[in-house]
Amino acid sequence: MKPLIGITGSRYEIATQPGAPGLLGVSLSDDYARGVERAGGLPLVVPYLGEVDSVPDLADCLDGLLLAGGEDMDPQQFGEFPHNGLGPVVPERDELELALLRAMVDRGKPVLGICRGMQVMNVAFGGTLYQDLPKQWRGSLNHRQKARRNHLSHKVLVQPGSRLQQLLQGETELGCNSFHHQAVKTLAPGFVPVAWDPEGLVEGMESQGLSWLVAVQWHPENLWATYPIFLGLFSGFVEAAQQVRTGEPTASQG
């Protein structure tokens, strides 16, 4: 059986009849699921669970977790109060993703973070974020491009010898897209930065130990169909999840 990959999504309100209360649901771009599917995994969109006690049971069922992009994180999750310029936050999403991420790590299962997913991973293990990147970061690059989703708007430099470099076919410099408002400020203990923009902003991180935890700040789900090199992120992730399913150990690098 293909490895089962849970993918988290954004909150959205489903319109109902005029005057009736709205319904809450989960929203996710098809590109995430299709990337997982193309890489050989079976994607499953994670619902907003009503009971926190359900999280461990869900983690038991999943072989891997993809933390997708979306809203800003609530800065109270990393010990700060909101600044002017903070975007929309969804506390229940923060709580679900943090709990599910930690449960997956406790079980030795792989996690891939994309954009917001990288920020969640960093905060979960003690890191902090720039709440409002344009105001708080010294750089001048535009990290919220106005071009189409598969446009490569700036370059990233990738650490030689890193797991991320292996997933990207050995490349150490390549273009990426960019659609984020927050970013890693202080890196969480147990992680190393493995990609940067030309101004030094961290664009990729991975765990130092045996756990398969990789995250990037750009959106490879929008790129792999045009630039197949980015499918390597999904392929390596799904391969690690398959090893979990079959009981094989995962290597610390690759």
C-alpha atoms as a PDB file:
ATOM      1  CA  MET A   1       0.000   0.000   0.000  1.00  0.00           C
ATOM      2  CA  LYS A   2       1.164   3.535  -0.714  1.00  0.00           C
ATOM      3  CA  PRO A   3       2.263   5.582   2.312  1.00  0.00           C
ATOM      4  CA  LEU A   4      -0.524   7.725   3.740  1.00  0.00           C
ATOM      5  CA  ILE A   5       0.464  11.407   3.835  1.00  0.00           C
ATOM      6  CA  GLY A   6      -1.560  13.859   5.911  1.00  0.00           C
ATOM      7  CA  ILE A   7      -1.644  17.433   4.574  1.00  0.00           C
ATOM      8  CA  THR A   8      -2.844  20.358   6.673  1.00  0.00           C
ATOM      9  CA  GLY A   9      -4.876  23.187   5.151  1.00  0.00           C
ATOM     10  CA  SER A  10      -6.218  26.664   5.767  1.00  0.00           C
ATOM     11  CA  ARG A  11      -9.426  27.657   7.497  1.00  0.00           C
ATOM     12  CA  TYR A  12     -12.238  29.082   5.398  1.00  0.00           C
ATOM     13  CA  GLU A  13     -15.895  29.912   5.862  1.00  0.00           C
ATOM     14  CA  ILE A  14     -18.435  28.227   3.633  1.00  0.00           C
ATOM     15  CA  ALA A  15     -21.212  30.602   2.601  1.00  0.00           C
ATOM     16  CA  THR A  16     -24.746  29.527   3.468  1.00  0.00           C
ATOM     17  CA  GLN A  17     -28.184  31.056   2.981  1.00  0.00           C
ATOM     18  CA  PRO A  18     -28.432  34.790   3.770  1.00  0.00           C
ATOM     19  CA  GLY A  19     -28.832  35.326   7.494  1.00  0.00           C
ATOM     20  CA  ALA A  20     -27.730  31.814   8.375  1.00  0.00           C
ATOM     21  CA  PRO A  21     -24.466  31.199  10.260  1.00  0.00           C
ATOM     22  CA  GLY A  22     -21.499  30.257   8.114  1.00  0.00           C
ATOM     23  CA  LEU A  23     -19.915  26.819   8.139  1.00  0.00           C
ATOM     24  CA  LEU A  24     -16.216  26.327   8.798  1.00  0.00           C
ATOM     25  CA  GLY A  25     -14.142  24.042   6.608  1.00  0.00           C
ATOM     26  CA  VAL A  26     -10.620  23.287   5.454  1.00  0.00           C
ATOM     27  CA  SER A  27      -9.110  24.564   2.200  1.00  0.00           C
ATOM     28  CA  LEU A  28      -6.060  23.206   0.362  1.00  0.00           C
ATOM     29  CA  SER A  29      -4.591  23.747  -3.083  1.00  0.00           C
ATOM     30  CA  ASP A  30      -4.652  20.641  -5.293  1.00  0.00           C
ATOM     31  CA  ASP A  31      -0.949  21.186  -6.037  1.00  0.00           C
ATOM     32  CA  TYR A  32       0.090  19.776  -2.659  1.00  0.00           C
ATOM     33  CA  ALA A  33      -1.923  16.587  -3.048  1.00  0.00           C
ATOM     34  CA  ARG A  34      -0.839  16.096  -6.643  1.00  0.00           C
ATOM     35  CA  GLY A  35       2.814  16.507  -5.698  1.00  0.00           C
ATOM     36  CA  VAL A  36       2.440  13.792  -3.057  1.00  0.00           C
ATOM     37  CA  GLU A  37       0.514  11.598  -5.498  1.00  0.00           C
ATOM     38  CA  ARG A  38       3.087  12.014  -8.269  1.00  0.00           C
ATOM     39  CA  ALA A  39       5.816  11.057  -5.798  1.00  0.00           C
ATOM     40  CA  GLY A  40       3.995   7.812  -4.971  1.00  0.00           C
ATOM     41  CA  GLY A  41       2.122   8.758  -1.823  1.00  0.00           C
ATOM     42  CA  LEU A  42      -1.550   8.721  -0.938  1.00  0.00           C
ATOM     43  CA  PRO A  43      -2.600  12.250   0.129  1.00  0.00           C
ATOM     44  CA  LEU A  44      -5.153  12.861   2.864  1.00  0.00           C
ATOM     45  CA  VAL A  45      -6.345  16.351   3.814  1.00  0.00           C
ATOM     46  CA  VAL A  46      -6.316  16.691   7.605  1.00  0.00           C
ATOM     47  CA  PRO A  47      -9.603  18.036   9.034  1.00  0.00           C
ATOM     48  CA  TYR A  48      -9.842  20.440  11.957  1.00  0.00           C
ATOM     49  CA  LEU A  49     -10.313  17.953  14.753  1.00  0.00           C
ATOM     50  CA  GLY A  50     -12.722  18.787  17.544  1.00  0.00           C
ATOM     51  CA  GLU A  51     -10.841  16.845  20.219  1.00  0.00           C
ATOM     52  CA  VAL A  52      -7.130  17.139  20.932  1.00  0.00           C
ATOM     53  CA  ASP A  53      -7.221  13.536  22.135  1.00  0.00           C
ATOM     54  CA  SER A  54      -7.727  12.496  18.492  1.00  0.00           C
ATOM     55  CA  VAL A  55      -4.298  13.803  17.435  1.00  0.00           C
ATOM     56  CA  PRO A  56      -2.237  10.812  18.679  1.00  0.00           C
ATOM     57  CA  ASP A  57      -4.605   8.371  16.966  1.00  0.00           C
ATOM     58  CA  LEU A  58      -4.310  10.310  13.720  1.00  0.00           C
ATOM     59  CA  ALA A  59      -0.511  10.339  14.006  1.00  0.00           C
ATOM     60  CA  ASP A  60      -0.602   6.557  14.474  1.00  0.00           C
ATOM     61  CA  CYS A  61      -2.446   6.197  11.146  1.00  0.00           C
ATOM     62  CA  LEU A  62      -0.302   8.561   9.069  1.00  0.00           C
ATOM     63  CA  ASP A  63       3.051   7.614   7.561  1.00  0.00           C
ATOM     64  CA  GLY A  64       4.105  11.210   6.928  1.00  0.00           C
ATOM     65  CA  LEU A  65       2.904  14.778   7.463  1.00  0.00           C
ATOM     66  CA  LEU A  66       3.078  17.741   5.093  1.00  0.00           C
ATOM     67  CA  LEU A  67       2.584  21.105   6.793  1.00  0.00           C
ATOM     68  CA  ALA A  68       1.254  23.379   4.054  1.00  0.00           C
ATOM     69  CA  GLY A  69       1.357  27.138   3.573  1.00  0.00           C
ATOM     70  CA  GLY A  70      -1.258  29.570   4.789  1.00  0.00           C
ATOM     71  CA  GLU A  71      -1.954  32.155   7.450  1.00  0.00           C
ATOM     72  CA  ASP A  72       0.516  33.840   9.805  1.00  0.00           C
ATOM     73  CA  MET A  73       1.329  32.093  13.075  1.00  0.00           C
ATOM     74  CA  ASP A  74       0.081  33.672  16.283  1.00  0.00           C
ATOM     75  CA  PRO A  75       3.242  35.209  17.829  1.00  0.00           C
ATOM     76  CA  GLN A  76       2.044  34.182  21.283  1.00  0.00           C
ATOM     77  CA  GLN A  77       3.107  30.685  20.246  1.00  0.00           C
ATOM     78  CA  PHE A  78       6.711  31.892  20.427  1.00  0.00           C
ATOM     79  CA  GLY A  79       6.402  34.203  23.410  1.00  0.00           C
ATOM     80  CA  GLU A  80       5.579  37.530  21.747  1.00  0.00           C
ATOM     81  CA  PHE A  81       2.520  39.742  21.493  1.00  0.00           C
ATOM     82  CA  PRO A  82       1.235  40.817  18.072  1.00  0.00           C
ATOM     83  CA  HIS A  83       2.928  43.731  16.315  1.00  0.00           C
ATOM     84  CA  ASN A  84       1.252  46.122  13.905  1.00  0.00           C
ATOM     85  CA  GLY A  85       1.552  44.475  10.513  1.00  0.00           C
ATOM     86  CA  LEU A  86       0.789  40.937  11.670  1.00  0.00           C
ATOM     87  CA  GLY A  87      -1.482  39.177   9.168  1.00  0.00           C
ATOM     88  CA  PRO A  88      -4.553  37.014   9.878  1.00  0.00           C
ATOM     89  CA  VAL A  89      -3.974  34.252  12.431  1.00  0.00           C
ATOM     90  CA  VAL A  90      -5.985  31.090  13.082  1.00  0.00           C
ATOM     91  CA  PRO A  91      -5.296  29.845  16.626  1.00  0.00           C
ATOM     92  CA  GLU A  92      -6.976  26.477  16.075  1.00  0.00           C
ATOM     93  CA  ARG A  93      -4.699  25.817  13.101  1.00  0.00           C
ATOM     94  CA  ASP A  94      -1.612  26.623  15.154  1.00  0.00           C
ATOM     95  CA  GLU A  95      -2.756  24.276  17.900  1.00  0.00           C
ATOM     96  CA  LEU A  96      -3.625  21.412  15.539  1.00  0.00           C
ATOM     97  CA  GLU A  97      -0.409  21.603  13.542  1.00  0.00           C
ATOM     98  CA  LEU A  98       1.871  21.955  16.556  1.00  0.00           C
ATOM     99  CA  ALA A  99       0.253  18.988  18.303  1.00  0.00           C
ATOM    100  CA  LEU A 100       0.240  16.809  15.190  1.00  0.00           C
ATOM    101  CA  LEU A 101       3.831  17.696  14.294  1.00  0.00           C
ATOM    102  CA  ARG A 102       5.069  16.782  17.769  1.00  0.00           C
ATOM    103  CA  ALA A 103       3.088  13.526  17.715  1.00  0.00           C
ATOM    104  CA  MET A 104       4.628  12.571  14.360  1.00  0.00           C
ATOM    105  CA  VAL A 105       8.138  13.335  15.608  1.00  0.00           C
ATOM    106  CA  ASP A 106       7.526  11.269  18.746  1.00  0.00           C
ATOM    107  CA  ARG A 107       6.710   8.347  16.424  1.00  0.00           C
ATOM    108  CA  GLY A 108       9.760   8.850  14.229  1.00  0.00           C
ATOM    109  CA  LYS A 109       7.703   9.754  11.168  1.00  0.00           C
ATOM    110  CA  PRO A 110       8.839  12.212   8.466  1.00  0.00           C
ATOM    111  CA  VAL A 111       7.539  15.754   8.175  1.00  0.00           C
ATOM    112  CA  LEU A 112       7.894  18.161   5.250  1.00  0.00           C
ATOM    113  CA  GLY A 113       7.198  21.842   5.933  1.00  0.00           C
ATOM    114  CA  ILE A 114       6.326  24.277   3.152  1.00  0.00           C
ATOM    115  CA  CYS A 115       6.275  28.059   3.741  1.00  0.00           C
ATOM    116  CA  ARG A 116       4.079  28.418   6.868  1.00  0.00           C
ATOM    117  CA  GLY A 117       4.952  24.777   7.521  1.00  0.00           C
ATOM    118  CA  MET A 118       8.591  25.750   7.966  1.00  0.00           C
ATOM    119  CA  GLN A 119       7.558  28.433  10.432  1.00  0.00           C
ATOM    120  CA  VAL A 120       5.402  25.968  12.390  1.00  0.00           C
ATOM    121  CA  MET A 121       8.280  23.490  12.541  1.00  0.00           C
ATOM    122  CA  ASN A 122      10.644  26.156  13.816  1.00  0.00           C
ATOM    123  CA  VAL A 123       8.256  27.402  16.515  1.00  0.00           C
ATOM    124  CA  ALA A 124       7.344  23.860  17.613  1.00  0.00           C
ATOM    125  CA  PHE A 125      10.906  23.224  18.737  1.00  0.00           C
ATOM    126  CA  GLY A 126      11.735  26.577  20.310  1.00  0.00           C
ATOM    127  CA  GLY A 127      12.513  28.950  17.440  1.00  0.00           C
ATOM    128  CA  THR A 128      11.070  32.410  16.742  1.00  0.00           C
ATOM    129  CA  LEU A 129       9.783  34.258  13.681  1.00  0.00           C
ATOM    130  CA  TYR A 130       9.799  37.655  12.104  1.00  0.00           C
ATOM    131  CA  GLN A 131       6.150  38.613  12.582  1.00  0.00           C
ATOM    132  CA  ASP A 132       6.176  41.121   9.740  1.00  0.00           C
ATOM    133  CA  LEU A 133       9.103  40.462   7.419  1.00  0.00           C
ATOM    134  CA  PRO A 134       9.040  43.725   5.408  1.00  0.00           C
ATOM    135  CA  LYS A 135       9.316  45.785   8.617  1.00  0.00           C
ATOM    136  CA  GLN A 136      11.601  43.568  10.690  1.00  0.00           C
ATOM    137  CA  TRP A 137      14.099  42.179   8.171  1.00  0.00           C
ATOM    138  CA  ARG A 138      17.014  44.232   6.861  1.00  0.00           C
ATOM    139  CA  GLY A 139      16.791  42.880   3.300  1.00  0.00           C
ATOM    140  CA  SER A 140      15.089  44.483   0.314  1.00  0.00           C
ATOM    141  CA  LEU A 141      14.015  41.446  -1.728  1.00  0.00           C
ATOM    142  CA  ASN A 142      10.282  41.099  -2.319  1.00  0.00           C
ATOM    143  CA  HIS A 143       9.143  37.883  -0.642  1.00  0.00           C
ATOM    144  CA  ARG A 144       5.502  38.260  -1.713  1.00  0.00           C
ATOM    145  CA  GLN A 145       5.814  38.163  -5.485  1.00  0.00           C
ATOM    146  CA  LYS A 146       3.010  39.390  -7.705  1.00  0.00           C
ATOM    147  CA  ALA A 147       3.920  37.074 -10.595  1.00  0.00           C
ATOM    148  CA  ARG A 148       2.303  33.699 -11.335  1.00  0.00           C
ATOM    149  CA  ARG A 149       2.823  30.916  -8.788  1.00  0.00           C
ATOM    150  CA  ASN A 150       5.406  29.042 -10.858  1.00  0.00           C
ATOM    151  CA  HIS A 151       7.582  32.092 -11.540  1.00  0.00           C
ATOM    152  CA  LEU A 152      11.105  31.943 -10.085  1.00  0.00           C
ATOM    153  CA  SER A 153      11.373  35.347  -8.433  1.00  0.00           C
ATOM    154  CA  HIS A 154      14.709  35.069  -6.594  1.00  0.00           C
ATOM    155  CA  LYS A 155      17.593  32.675  -5.993  1.00  0.00           C
ATOM    156  CA  VAL A 156      18.380  30.474  -3.032  1.00  0.00           C
ATOM    157  CA  LEU A 157      21.748  29.088  -1.990  1.00  0.00           C
ATOM    158  CA  VAL A 158      21.694  25.484  -0.690  1.00  0.00           C
ATOM    159  CA  GLN A 159      24.172  24.039   1.810  1.00  0.00           C
ATOM    160  CA  PRO A 160      26.488  21.455   0.205  1.00  0.00           C
ATOM    161  CA  GLY A 161      26.177  18.036   1.830  1.00  0.00           C
ATOM    162  CA  SER A 162      22.728  18.723   3.280  1.00  0.00           C
ATOM    163  CA  ARG A 163      19.727  16.484   2.894  1.00  0.00           C
ATOM    164  CA  LEU A 164      18.027  19.346   1.050  1.00  0.00           C
ATOM    165  CA  GLN A 165      20.832  19.465  -1.509  1.00  0.00           C
ATOM    166  CA  GLN A 166      20.400  15.734  -2.117  1.00  0.00           C
ATOM    167  CA  LEU A 167      16.656  16.169  -2.597  1.00  0.00           C
ATOM    168  CA  LEU A 168      17.339  18.937  -5.141  1.00  0.00           C
ATOM    169  CA  GLN A 169      19.582  16.729  -7.299  1.00  0.00           C
ATOM    170  CA  GLY A 170      22.773  18.125  -5.844  1.00  0.00           C
ATOM    171  CA  GLU A 171      22.120  21.750  -6.774  1.00  0.00           C
ATOM    172  CA  THR A 172      23.612  24.442  -4.550  1.00  0.00           C
ATOM    173  CA  GLU A 173      22.006  27.437  -6.270  1.00  0.00           C
ATOM    174  CA  LEU A 174      18.601  27.632  -7.912  1.00  0.00           C
ATOM    175  CA  GLY A 175      15.626  29.919  -8.397  1.00  0.00           C
ATOM    176  CA  CYS A 176      12.465  29.747  -6.316  1.00  0.00           C
ATOM    177  CA  ASN A 177       9.081  31.419  -5.954  1.00  0.00           C
ATOM    178  CA  SER A 178       8.159  33.460  -2.874  1.00  0.00           C
ATOM    179  CA  PHE A 179       4.824  34.131  -1.136  1.00  0.00           C
ATOM    180  CA  HIS A 180       5.498  34.605   2.577  1.00  0.00           C
ATOM    181  CA  HIS A 181       4.931  37.319   5.168  1.00  0.00           C
ATOM    182  CA  GLN A 182       6.725  35.689   8.108  1.00  0.00           C
ATOM    183  CA  ALA A 183      10.083  33.898   8.257  1.00  0.00           C
ATOM    184  CA  VAL A 184      12.541  32.216  10.619  1.00  0.00           C
ATOM    185  CA  LYS A 185      14.251  34.658  12.984  1.00  0.00           C
ATOM    186  CA  THR A 186      15.941  32.465  15.608  1.00  0.00           C
ATOM    187  CA  LEU A 187      16.424  28.869  14.507  1.00  0.00           C
ATOM    188  CA  ALA A 188      15.113  26.150  16.813  1.00  0.00           C
ATOM    189  CA  PRO A 189      17.636  23.986  18.695  1.00  0.00           C
ATOM    190  CA  GLY A 190      18.305  20.706  16.907  1.00  0.00           C
ATOM    191  CA  PHE A 191      17.944  22.237  13.439  1.00  0.00           C
ATOM    192  CA  VAL A 192      20.420  23.680  10.967  1.00  0.00           C
ATOM    193  CA  PRO A 193      19.819  26.244   8.212  1.00  0.00           C
ATOM    194  CA  VAL A 194      20.416  24.693   4.789  1.00  0.00           C
ATOM    195  CA  ALA A 195      19.192  27.365   2.342  1.00  0.00           C
ATOM    196  CA  TRP A 196      19.325  31.163   2.232  1.00  0.00           C
ATOM    197  CA  ASP A 197      18.249  33.954  -0.072  1.00  0.00           C
ATOM    198  CA  PRO A 198      21.057  36.197  -1.421  1.00  0.00           C
ATOM    199  CA  GLU A 199      20.594  38.561   1.559  1.00  0.00           C
ATOM    200  CA  GLY A 200      20.973  35.842   4.185  1.00  0.00           C
ATOM    201  CA  LEU A 201      17.345  35.119   5.117  1.00  0.00           C
ATOM    202  CA  VAL A 202      16.904  31.442   5.997  1.00  0.00           C
ATOM    203  CA  GLU A 203      14.934  29.676   3.239  1.00  0.00           C
ATOM    204  CA  GLY A 204      15.469  26.041   4.265  1.00  0.00           C
ATOM    205  CA  MET A 205      16.072  24.058   7.459  1.00  0.00           C
ATOM    206  CA  GLU A 206      16.410  20.431   8.502  1.00  0.00           C
ATOM    207  CA  SER A 207      16.889  18.402  11.666  1.00  0.00           C
ATOM    208  CA  GLN A 208      20.368  17.440  12.795  1.00  0.00           C
ATOM    209  CA  GLY A 209      19.388  14.024  14.148  1.00  0.00           C
ATOM    210  CA  LEU A 210      17.961  10.889  12.629  1.00  0.00           C
ATOM    211  CA  SER A 211      14.445  12.336  12.270  1.00  0.00           C
ATOM    212  CA  TRP A 212      13.408  13.233   8.713  1.00  0.00           C
ATOM    213  CA  LEU A 213      12.357  16.852   9.213  1.00  0.00           C
ATOM    214  CA  VAL A 214      12.883  19.139   6.226  1.00  0.00           C
ATOM    215  CA  ALA A 215      11.308  22.523   5.497  1.00  0.00           C
ATOM    216  CA  VAL A 216      11.554  25.180   2.798  1.00  0.00           C
ATOM    217  CA  GLN A 217      10.210  28.714   2.709  1.00  0.00           C
ATOM    218  CA  TRP A 218       9.220  28.656  -0.962  1.00  0.00           C
ATOM    219  CA  HIS A 219       6.371  26.717  -2.631  1.00  0.00           C
ATOM    220  CA  PRO A 220       7.662  23.631  -4.484  1.00  0.00           C
ATOM    221  CA  GLU A 221       4.099  22.359  -4.939  1.00  0.00           C
ATOM    222  CA  ASN A 222       3.581  25.145  -7.505  1.00  0.00           C
ATOM    223  CA  LEU A 223       6.895  24.460  -9.247  1.00  0.00           C
ATOM    224  CA  TRP A 224       7.430  20.724  -9.743  1.00  0.00           C
ATOM    225  CA  ALA A 225       5.216  20.416 -12.843  1.00  0.00           C
ATOM    226  CA  THR A 226       7.263  23.120 -14.615  1.00  0.00           C
ATOM    227  CA  TYR A 227      10.625  22.457 -12.953  1.00  0.00           C
ATOM    228  CA  PRO A 228      10.895  18.710 -12.143  1.00  0.00           C
ATOM    229  CA  ILE A 229      13.877  19.262  -9.828  1.00  0.00           C
ATOM    230  CA  PHE A 230      11.398  20.360  -7.143  1.00  0.00           C
ATOM    231  CA  LEU A 231       9.590  17.026  -7.269  1.00  0.00           C
ATOM    232  CA  GLY A 232      12.623  15.667  -5.439  1.00  0.00           C
ATOM    233  CA  LEU A 233      11.334  17.228  -2.221  1.00  0.00           C
ATOM    234  CA  PHE A 234       8.132  15.226  -2.497  1.00  0.00           C
ATOM    235  CA  SER A 235       9.866  12.054  -3.694  1.00  0.00           C
ATOM    236  CA  GLY A 236      12.369  12.012  -0.831  1.00  0.00           C
ATOM    237  CA  PHE A 237       9.627  12.747   1.680  1.00  0.00           C
ATOM    238  CA  VAL A 238       7.331   9.997   0.369  1.00  0.00           C
ATOM    239  CA  GLU A 239      10.249   7.566   0.260  1.00  0.00           C
ATOM    240  CA  ALA A 240      10.951   8.274   3.934  1.00  0.00           C
ATOM    241  CA  ALA A 241       7.258   7.712   4.716  1.00  0.00           C
ATOM    242  CA  GLN A 242       7.350   4.413   2.816  1.00  0.00           C
ATOM    243  CA  GLN A 243      10.299   3.321   4.927  1.00  0.00           C
ATOM    244  CA  VAL A 244       8.229   4.061   8.031  1.00  0.00           C
ATOM    245  CA  ARG A 245       5.369   1.991   6.640  1.00  0.00           C
ATOM    246  CA  THR A 246       7.626  -0.981   5.888  1.00  0.00           C
ATOM    247  CA  GLY A 247       9.614  -0.667   9.091  1.00  0.00           C
ATOM    248  CA  GLU A 248      12.917   0.234   7.429  1.00  0.00           C
ATOM    249  CA  PRO A 249      15.238   2.687   9.223  1.00  0.00           C
ATOM    250  CA  THR A 250      15.694   6.122   7.664  1.00  0.00           C
ATOM    251  CA  ALA A 251      19.208   7.420   7.149  1.00  0.00           C
ATOM    252  CA  SER A 252      20.294  10.626   8.836  1.00  0.00           C
ATOM    253  CA  GLN A 253      21.216  12.070   5.457  1.00  0.00           C
ATOM    254  CA  GLY A 254      19.050  11.191   2.475  1.00  0.00           C
END
